Amino acid sequence: GLLSVAMLVMHGGAWLALKTSGPVAERARGYGVIAA
């Protein structure tokens, strides 16, 4: 279950990095790196 959450958080971070800019994208990249 935790693997599934980490995998999808990684995917969500990648999506937000693609679809947003500025502080939101920066934070998404940070959490996405950890989730990966």
All heavy atoms as atom14 arrays in JSON, in Angstrom:
{
  "sequence": "GLLSVAMLVMHGGAWLALKTSGPVAERARGYGVIAA",
  "atom14_mask": [
    [1, 1, 1, 1, 0, 0, 0, 0, 0, 0, 0, 0, 0, 0],
    [1, 1, 1, 1, 1, 1, 1, 1, 0, 0, 0, 0, 0, 0],
    [1, 1, 1, 1, 1, 1, 1, 1, 0, 0, 0, 0, 0, 0],
    [1, 1, 1, 1, 1, 1, 0, 0, 0, 0, 0, 0, 0, 0],
    [1, 1, 1, 1, 1, 1, 1, 0, 0, 0, 0, 0, 0, 0],
    [1, 1, 1, 1, 1, 0, 0, 0, 0, 0, 0, 0, 0, 0],
    [1, 1, 1, 1, 1, 1, 1, 1, 0, 0, 0, 0, 0, 0],
    [1, 1, 1, 1, 1, 1, 1, 1, 0, 0, 0, 0, 0, 0],
    [1, 1, 1, 1, 1, 1, 1, 0, 0, 0, 0, 0, 0, 0],
    [1, 1, 1, 1, 1, 1, 1, 1, 0, 0, 0, 0, 0, 0],
    [1, 1, 1, 1, 1, 1, 1, 1, 1, 1, 0, 0, 0, 0],
    [1, 1, 1, 1, 0, 0, 0, 0, 0, 0, 0, 0, 0, 0],
    [1, 1, 1, 1, 0, 0, 0, 0, 0, 0, 0, 0, 0, 0],
    [1, 1, 1, 1, 1, 0, 0, 0, 0, 0, 0, 0, 0, 0],
    [1, 1, 1, 1, 1, 1, 1, 1, 1, 1, 1, 1, 1, 1],
    [1, 1, 1, 1, 1, 1, 1, 1, 0, 0, 0, 0, 0, 0],
    [1, 1, 1, 1, 1, 0, 0, 0, 0, 0, 0, 0, 0, 0],
    [1, 1, 1, 1, 1, 1, 1, 1, 0, 0, 0, 0, 0, 0],
    [1, 1, 1, 1, 1, 1, 1, 1, 1, 0, 0, 0, 0, 0],
    [1, 1, 1, 1, 1, 1, 1, 0, 0, 0, 0, 0, 0, 0],
    [1, 1, 1, 1, 1, 1, 0, 0, 0, 0, 0, 0, 0, 0],
    [1, 1, 1, 1, 0, 0, 0, 0, 0, 0, 0, 0, 0, 0],
    [1, 1, 1, 1, 1, 1, 1, 0, 0, 0, 0, 0, 0, 0],
    [1, 1, 1, 1, 1, 1, 1, 0, 0, 0, 0, 0, 0, 0],
    [1, 1, 1, 1, 1, 0, 0, 0, 0, 0, 0, 0, 0, 0],
    [1, 1, 1, 1, 1, 1, 1, 1, 1, 0, 0, 0, 0, 0],
    [1, 1, 1, 1, 1, 1, 1, 1, 1, 1, 1, 0, 0, 0],
    [1, 1, 1, 1, 1, 0, 0, 0, 0, 0, 0, 0, 0, 0],
    [1, 1, 1, 1, 1, 1, 1, 1, 1, 1, 1, 0, 0, 0],
    [1, 1, 1, 1, 0, 0, 0, 0, 0, 0, 0, 0, 0, 0],
    [1, 1, 1, 1, 1, 1, 1, 1, 1, 1, 1, 1, 0, 0],
    [1, 1, 1, 1, 0, 0, 0, 0, 0, 0, 0, 0, 0, 0],
    [1, 1, 1, 1, 1, 1, 1, 0, 0, 0, 0, 0, 0, 0],
    [1, 1, 1, 1, 1, 1, 1, 1, 0, 0, 0, 0, 0, 0],
    [1, 1, 1, 1, 1, 0, 0, 0, 0, 0, 0, 0, 0, 0],
    [1, 1, 1, 1, 1, 0, 0, 0, 0, 0, 0, 0, 0, 0]
  ],
  "atom14_positions": [
    [[0.82, -1.21, 0.0], [0.0, 0.0, 0.0], [0.85, 1.25, 0.0], [0.58, 2.21, -0.73], [0.0, 0.0, 0.0], [0.0, 0.0, 0.0], [0.0, 0.0, 0.0], [0.0, 0.0, 0.0], [0.0, 0.0, 0.0], [0.0, 0.0, 0.0], [0.0, 0.0, 0.0], [0.0, 0.0, 0.0], [0.0, 0.0, 0.0], [0.0, 0.0, 0.0]],
    [[1.9, 1.26, 0.82], [2.8, 2.41, 0.86], [3.56, 2.56, -0.46], [3.82, 3.68, -0.92], [3.78, 2.27, 2.02], [3.15, 2.35, 3.42], [4.21, 2.09, 4.49], [2.49, 3.71, 3.65], [0.0, 0.0, 0.0], [0.0, 0.0, 0.0], [0.0, 0.0, 0.0], [0.0, 0.0, 0.0], [0.0, 0.0, 0.0], [0.0, 0.0, 0.0]],
    [[3.92, 1.43, -1.07], [4.56, 1.47, -2.4], [3.62, 2.11, -3.41], [4.04, 2.96, -4.21], [4.95, 0.07, -2.84], [5.39, -0.1, -4.29], [6.61, 0.77, -4.6], [5.68, -1.57, -4.6], [0.0, 0.0, 0.0], [0.0, 0.0, 0.0], [0.0, 0.0, 0.0], [0.0, 0.0, 0.0], [0.0, 0.0, 0.0], [0.0, 0.0, 0.0]],
    [[2.35, 1.73, -3.36], [1.37, 2.31, -4.28], [1.24, 3.81, -4.08], [1.2, 4.59, -5.04], [0.01, 1.63, -4.07], [-0.99, 2.23, -4.85], [0.0, 0.0, 0.0], [0.0, 0.0, 0.0], [0.0, 0.0, 0.0], [0.0, 0.0, 0.0], [0.0, 0.0, 0.0], [0.0, 0.0, 0.0], [0.0, 0.0, 0.0], [0.0, 0.0, 0.0]],
    [[1.19, 4.25, -2.8], [1.08, 5.68, -2.52], [2.31, 6.42, -3.04], [2.2, 7.47, -3.71], [0.91, 5.92, -1.01], [1.03, 7.41, -0.68], [-0.44, 5.39, -0.53], [0.0, 0.0, 0.0], [0.0, 0.0, 0.0], [0.0, 0.0, 0.0], [0.0, 0.0, 0.0], [0.0, 0.0, 0.0], [0.0, 0.0, 0.0], [0.0, 0.0, 0.0]],
    [[3.51, 5.89, -2.76], [4.75, 6.54, -3.21], [4.79, 6.61, -4.73], [5.17, 7.65, -5.31], [5.96, 5.78, -2.68], [0.0, 0.0, 0.0], [0.0, 0.0, 0.0], [0.0, 0.0, 0.0], [0.0, 0.0, 0.0], [0.0, 0.0, 0.0], [0.0, 0.0, 0.0], [0.0, 0.0, 0.0], [0.0, 0.0, 0.0], [0.0, 0.0, 0.0]],
    [[4.41, 5.54, -5.39], [4.42, 5.49, -6.85], [3.5, 6.55, -7.45], [3.87, 7.27, -8.4], [4.0, 4.09, -7.29], [3.87, 3.86, -8.78], [3.34, 2.17, -9.15], [1.59, 2.27, -8.66], [0.0, 0.0, 0.0], [0.0, 0.0, 0.0], [0.0, 0.0, 0.0], [0.0, 0.0, 0.0], [0.0, 0.0, 0.0], [0.0, 0.0, 0.0]],
    [[2.29, 6.68, -6.9], [1.34, 7.64, -7.44], [1.67, 9.08, -7.04], [1.37, 10.02, -7.78], [-0.08, 7.26, -7.02], [-0.56, 5.9, -7.54], [-2.01, 5.66, -7.18], [-0.37, 5.78, -9.05], [0.0, 0.0, 0.0], [0.0, 0.0, 0.0], [0.0, 0.0, 0.0], [0.0, 0.0, 0.0], [0.0, 0.0, 0.0], [0.0, 0.0, 0.0]],
    [[2.27, 9.27, -5.87], [2.74, 10.61, -5.5], [3.87, 11.04, -6.44], [3.92, 12.2, -6.86], [3.21, 10.64, -4.02], [4.0, 11.91, -3.73], [2.0, 10.54, -3.09], [0.0, 0.0, 0.0], [0.0, 0.0, 0.0], [0.0, 0.0, 0.0], [0.0, 0.0, 0.0], [0.0, 0.0, 0.0], [0.0, 0.0, 0.0], [0.0, 0.0, 0.0]],
    [[4.76, 10.13, -6.78], [5.79, 10.4, -7.79], [5.15, 10.83, -9.09], [5.56, 11.82, -9.71], [6.64, 9.16, -7.99], [7.61, 9.23, -9.17], [8.44, 7.63, -9.48], [7.06, 6.63, -10.07], [0.0, 0.0, 0.0], [0.0, 0.0, 0.0], [0.0, 0.0, 0.0], [0.0, 0.0, 0.0], [0.0, 0.0, 0.0], [0.0, 0.0, 0.0]],
    [[4.12, 10.1, -9.51], [3.42, 10.41, -10.76], [2.71, 11.75, -10.66], [2.72, 12.55, -11.61], [2.43, 9.29, -11.06], [2.02, 9.19, -12.49], [2.89, 9.34, -13.55], [0.79, 8.97, -13.05], [2.24, 9.19, -14.69], [0.97, 8.98, -14.43], [0.0, 0.0, 0.0], [0.0, 0.0, 0.0], [0.0, 0.0, 0.0], [0.0, 0.0, 0.0]],
    [[2.07, 12.01, -9.51], [1.41, 13.29, -9.3], [2.39, 14.45, -9.29], [2.11, 15.53, -9.83], [0.0, 0.0, 0.0], [0.0, 0.0, 0.0], [0.0, 0.0, 0.0], [0.0, 0.0, 0.0], [0.0, 0.0, 0.0], [0.0, 0.0, 0.0], [0.0, 0.0, 0.0], [0.0, 0.0, 0.0], [0.0, 0.0, 0.0], [0.0, 0.0, 0.0]],
    [[3.58, 14.24, -8.69], [4.6, 15.28, -8.71], [5.08, 15.57, -10.12], [5.29, 16.73, -10.49], [0.0, 0.0, 0.0], [0.0, 0.0, 0.0], [0.0, 0.0, 0.0], [0.0, 0.0, 0.0], [0.0, 0.0, 0.0], [0.0, 0.0, 0.0], [0.0, 0.0, 0.0], [0.0, 0.0, 0.0], [0.0, 0.0, 0.0], [0.0, 0.0, 0.0]],
    [[5.22, 14.51, -10.92], [5.62, 14.7, -12.32], [4.55, 15.47, -13.09], [4.86, 16.34, -13.93], [5.88, 13.35, -12.97], [0.0, 0.0, 0.0], [0.0, 0.0, 0.0], [0.0, 0.0, 0.0], [0.0, 0.0, 0.0], [0.0, 0.0, 0.0], [0.0, 0.0, 0.0], [0.0, 0.0, 0.0], [0.0, 0.0, 0.0], [0.0, 0.0, 0.0]],
    [[3.28, 15.15, -12.81], [2.17, 15.85, -13.49], [2.14, 17.33, -13.12], [2.0, 18.19, -13.98], [0.85, 15.17, -13.12], [-0.37, 15.86, -13.63], [-1.27, 16.6, -12.9], [-0.85, 15.89, -14.98], [-2.26, 17.08, -13.7], [-2.04, 16.65, -14.98], [-0.4, 15.34, -16.17], [-2.77, 16.89, -16.14], [-1.13, 15.57, -17.33], [-2.29, 16.32, -17.32]],
    [[2.28, 17.63, -11.84], [2.24, 19.03, -11.4], [3.45, 19.8, -11.91], [3.34, 21.0, -12.22], [2.18, 19.1, -9.87], [0.84, 18.68, -9.25], [0.95, 18.65, -7.73], [-0.28, 19.62, -9.69], [0.0, 0.0, 0.0], [0.0, 0.0, 0.0], [0.0, 0.0, 0.0], [0.0, 0.0, 0.0], [0.0, 0.0, 0.0], [0.0, 0.0, 0.0]],
    [[4.6, 19.14, -12.0], [5.77, 19.81, -12.58], [5.54, 20.16, -14.05], [6.05, 21.17, -14.55], [7.0, 18.91, -12.44], [0.0, 0.0, 0.0], [0.0, 0.0, 0.0], [0.0, 0.0, 0.0], [0.0, 0.0, 0.0], [0.0, 0.0, 0.0], [0.0, 0.0, 0.0], [0.0, 0.0, 0.0], [0.0, 0.0, 0.0], [0.0, 0.0, 0.0]],
    [[4.73, 19.31, -14.74], [4.42, 19.56, -16.14], [3.36, 20.64, -16.31], [3.45, 21.47, -17.24], [3.93, 18.25, -16.77], [3.43, 18.31, -18.22], [4.59, 18.6, -19.17], [2.75, 17.0, -18.61], [0.0, 0.0, 0.0], [0.0, 0.0, 0.0], [0.0, 0.0, 0.0], [0.0, 0.0, 0.0], [0.0, 0.0, 0.0], [0.0, 0.0, 0.0]],
    [[2.36, 20.66, -15.41], [1.18, 21.5, -15.61], [1.2, 22.81, -14.85], [0.32, 23.65, -15.06], [-0.08, 20.71, -15.21], [-0.39, 19.52, -16.11], [-0.83, 19.97, -17.49], [-2.19, 20.64, -17.47], [-2.66, 21.01, -18.82], [0.0, 0.0, 0.0], [0.0, 0.0, 0.0], [0.0, 0.0, 0.0], [0.0, 0.0, 0.0], [0.0, 0.0, 0.0]],
    [[2.15, 23.02, -13.94], [2.18, 24.26, -13.17], [3.56, 24.9, -13.27], [4.48, 24.33, -13.85], [1.84, 24.0, -11.69], [2.87, 23.18, -11.09], [0.5, 23.3, -11.54], [0.0, 0.0, 0.0], [0.0, 0.0, 0.0], [0.0, 0.0, 0.0], [0.0, 0.0, 0.0], [0.0, 0.0, 0.0], [0.0, 0.0, 0.0], [0.0, 0.0, 0.0]],
    [[3.67, 26.05, -12.68], [4.96, 26.76, -12.65], [5.09, 27.45, -11.3], [4.17, 27.45, -10.48], [5.04, 27.78, -13.79], [3.96, 28.7, -13.71], [0.0, 0.0, 0.0], [0.0, 0.0, 0.0], [0.0, 0.0, 0.0], [0.0, 0.0, 0.0], [0.0, 0.0, 0.0], [0.0, 0.0, 0.0], [0.0, 0.0, 0.0], [0.0, 0.0, 0.0]],
    [[6.24, 28.04, -11.06], [6.44, 28.8, -9.83], [6.55, 27.91, -8.6], [7.01, 26.76, -8.67], [0.0, 0.0, 0.0], [0.0, 0.0, 0.0], [0.0, 0.0, 0.0], [0.0, 0.0, 0.0], [0.0, 0.0, 0.0], [0.0, 0.0, 0.0], [0.0, 0.0, 0.0], [0.0, 0.0, 0.0], [0.0, 0.0, 0.0], [0.0, 0.0, 0.0]],
    [[6.13, 28.43, -7.44], [6.3, 27.69, -6.17], [5.63, 26.32, -6.17], [6.16, 25.38, -5.58], [5.66, 28.63, -5.14], [5.71, 29.99, -5.76], [5.55, 29.77, -7.22], [0.0, 0.0, 0.0], [0.0, 0.0, 0.0], [0.0, 0.0, 0.0], [0.0, 0.0, 0.0], [0.0, 0.0, 0.0], [0.0, 0.0, 0.0], [0.0, 0.0, 0.0]],
    [[4.45, 26.21, -6.78], [3.75, 24.93, -6.78], [4.59, 23.87, -7.5], [4.77, 22.75, -7.0], [2.37, 25.06, -7.45], [1.73, 23.69, -7.63], [1.46, 25.96, -6.63], [0.0, 0.0, 0.0], [0.0, 0.0, 0.0], [0.0, 0.0, 0.0], [0.0, 0.0, 0.0], [0.0, 0.0, 0.0], [0.0, 0.0, 0.0], [0.0, 0.0, 0.0]],
    [[5.12, 24.22, -8.66], [5.94, 23.28, -9.42], [7.21, 22.92, -8.65], [7.64, 21.76, -8.66], [6.28, 23.86, -10.78], [0.0, 0.0, 0.0], [0.0, 0.0, 0.0], [0.0, 0.0, 0.0], [0.0, 0.0, 0.0], [0.0, 0.0, 0.0], [0.0, 0.0, 0.0], [0.0, 0.0, 0.0], [0.0, 0.0, 0.0], [0.0, 0.0, 0.0]],
    [[7.8, 23.9, -7.99], [9.04, 23.63, -7.24], [8.77, 22.65, -6.1], [9.54, 21.72, -5.86], [9.61, 24.94, -6.7], [10.19, 25.85, -7.76], [11.31, 25.18, -8.53], [12.14, 24.48, -7.91], [11.36, 25.32, -9.77], [0.0, 0.0, 0.0], [0.0, 0.0, 0.0], [0.0, 0.0, 0.0], [0.0, 0.0, 0.0], [0.0, 0.0, 0.0]],
    [[7.7, 22.89, -5.36], [7.37, 21.97, -4.26], [7.03, 20.59, -4.79], [7.41, 19.58, -4.2], [6.2, 22.54, -3.45], [6.49, 23.87, -2.76], [5.33, 24.3, -1.88], [5.44, 25.71, -1.51], [4.62, 26.67, -1.93], [3.59, 26.36, -2.71], [4.8, 27.92, -1.56], [0.0, 0.0, 0.0], [0.0, 0.0, 0.0], [0.0, 0.0, 0.0]],
    [[6.3, 20.54, -5.91], [5.94, 19.25, -6.5], [7.19, 18.48, -6.9], [7.26, 17.25, -6.71], [5.04, 19.46, -7.71], [0.0, 0.0, 0.0], [0.0, 0.0, 0.0], [0.0, 0.0, 0.0], [0.0, 0.0, 0.0], [0.0, 0.0, 0.0], [0.0, 0.0, 0.0], [0.0, 0.0, 0.0], [0.0, 0.0, 0.0], [0.0, 0.0, 0.0]],
    [[8.17, 19.16, -7.46], [9.42, 18.49, -7.82], [10.1, 17.92, -6.57], [10.6, 16.79, -6.59], [10.37, 19.46, -8.52], [9.94, 19.83, -9.93], [11.02, 20.62, -10.65], [10.54, 21.09, -11.94], [10.02, 22.3, -12.14], [9.97, 23.19, -11.14], [9.57, 22.64, -13.34], [0.0, 0.0, 0.0], [0.0, 0.0, 0.0], [0.0, 0.0, 0.0]],
    [[10.12, 18.69, -5.5], [10.76, 18.22, -4.27], [10.1, 16.97, -3.72], [10.77, 15.97, -3.4], [0.0, 0.0, 0.0], [0.0, 0.0, 0.0], [0.0, 0.0, 0.0], [0.0, 0.0, 0.0], [0.0, 0.0, 0.0], [0.0, 0.0, 0.0], [0.0, 0.0, 0.0], [0.0, 0.0, 0.0], [0.0, 0.0, 0.0], [0.0, 0.0, 0.0]],
    [[8.78, 16.99, -3.61], [8.08, 15.81, -3.1], [8.15, 14.65, -4.09], [8.21, 13.48, -3.68], [6.62, 16.16, -2.8], [6.45, 16.98, -1.54], [6.07, 18.32, -1.6], [6.67, 16.42, -0.29], [5.92, 19.08, -0.45], [6.53, 17.16, 0.88], [6.15, 18.49, 0.79], [6.0, 19.24, 1.94], [0.0, 0.0, 0.0], [0.0, 0.0, 0.0]],
    [[8.14, 14.97, -5.38], [8.24, 13.91, -6.38], [9.57, 13.19, -6.32], [9.63, 11.96, -6.48], [0.0, 0.0, 0.0], [0.0, 0.0, 0.0], [0.0, 0.0, 0.0], [0.0, 0.0, 0.0], [0.0, 0.0, 0.0], [0.0, 0.0, 0.0], [0.0, 0.0, 0.0], [0.0, 0.0, 0.0], [0.0, 0.0, 0.0], [0.0, 0.0, 0.0]],
    [[10.66, 13.93, -6.09], [11.98, 13.32, -5.97], [12.01, 12.36, -4.78], [12.51, 11.23, -4.88], [13.05, 14.43, -5.79], [14.36, 13.84, -5.28], [13.29, 15.15, -7.11], [0.0, 0.0, 0.0], [0.0, 0.0, 0.0], [0.0, 0.0, 0.0], [0.0, 0.0, 0.0], [0.0, 0.0, 0.0], [0.0, 0.0, 0.0], [0.0, 0.0, 0.0]],
    [[11.46, 12.8, -3.65], [11.42, 11.93, -2.46], [10.58, 10.69, -2.74], [10.97, 9.57, -2.39], [10.85, 12.71, -1.26], [11.79, 13.87, -0.89], [10.64, 11.79, -0.06], [11.22, 14.82, 0.13], [0.0, 0.0, 0.0], [0.0, 0.0, 0.0], [0.0, 0.0, 0.0], [0.0, 0.0, 0.0], [0.0, 0.0, 0.0], [0.0, 0.0, 0.0]],
    [[9.43, 10.88, -3.38], [8.54, 9.75, -3.67], [9.2, 8.76, -4.62], [9.01, 7.54, -4.49], [7.22, 10.26, -4.26], [0.0, 0.0, 0.0], [0.0, 0.0, 0.0], [0.0, 0.0, 0.0], [0.0, 0.0, 0.0], [0.0, 0.0, 0.0], [0.0, 0.0, 0.0], [0.0, 0.0, 0.0], [0.0, 0.0, 0.0], [0.0, 0.0, 0.0]],
    [[9.96, 9.26, -5.59], [10.65, 8.37, -6.53], [11.68, 7.5, -5.8], [11.78, 6.29, -6.06], [11.33, 9.19, -7.62], [0.0, 0.0, 0.0], [0.0, 0.0, 0.0], [0.0, 0.0, 0.0], [0.0, 0.0, 0.0], [0.0, 0.0, 0.0], [0.0, 0.0, 0.0], [0.0, 0.0, 0.0], [0.0, 0.0, 0.0], [0.0, 0.0, 0.0]]
  ]
}
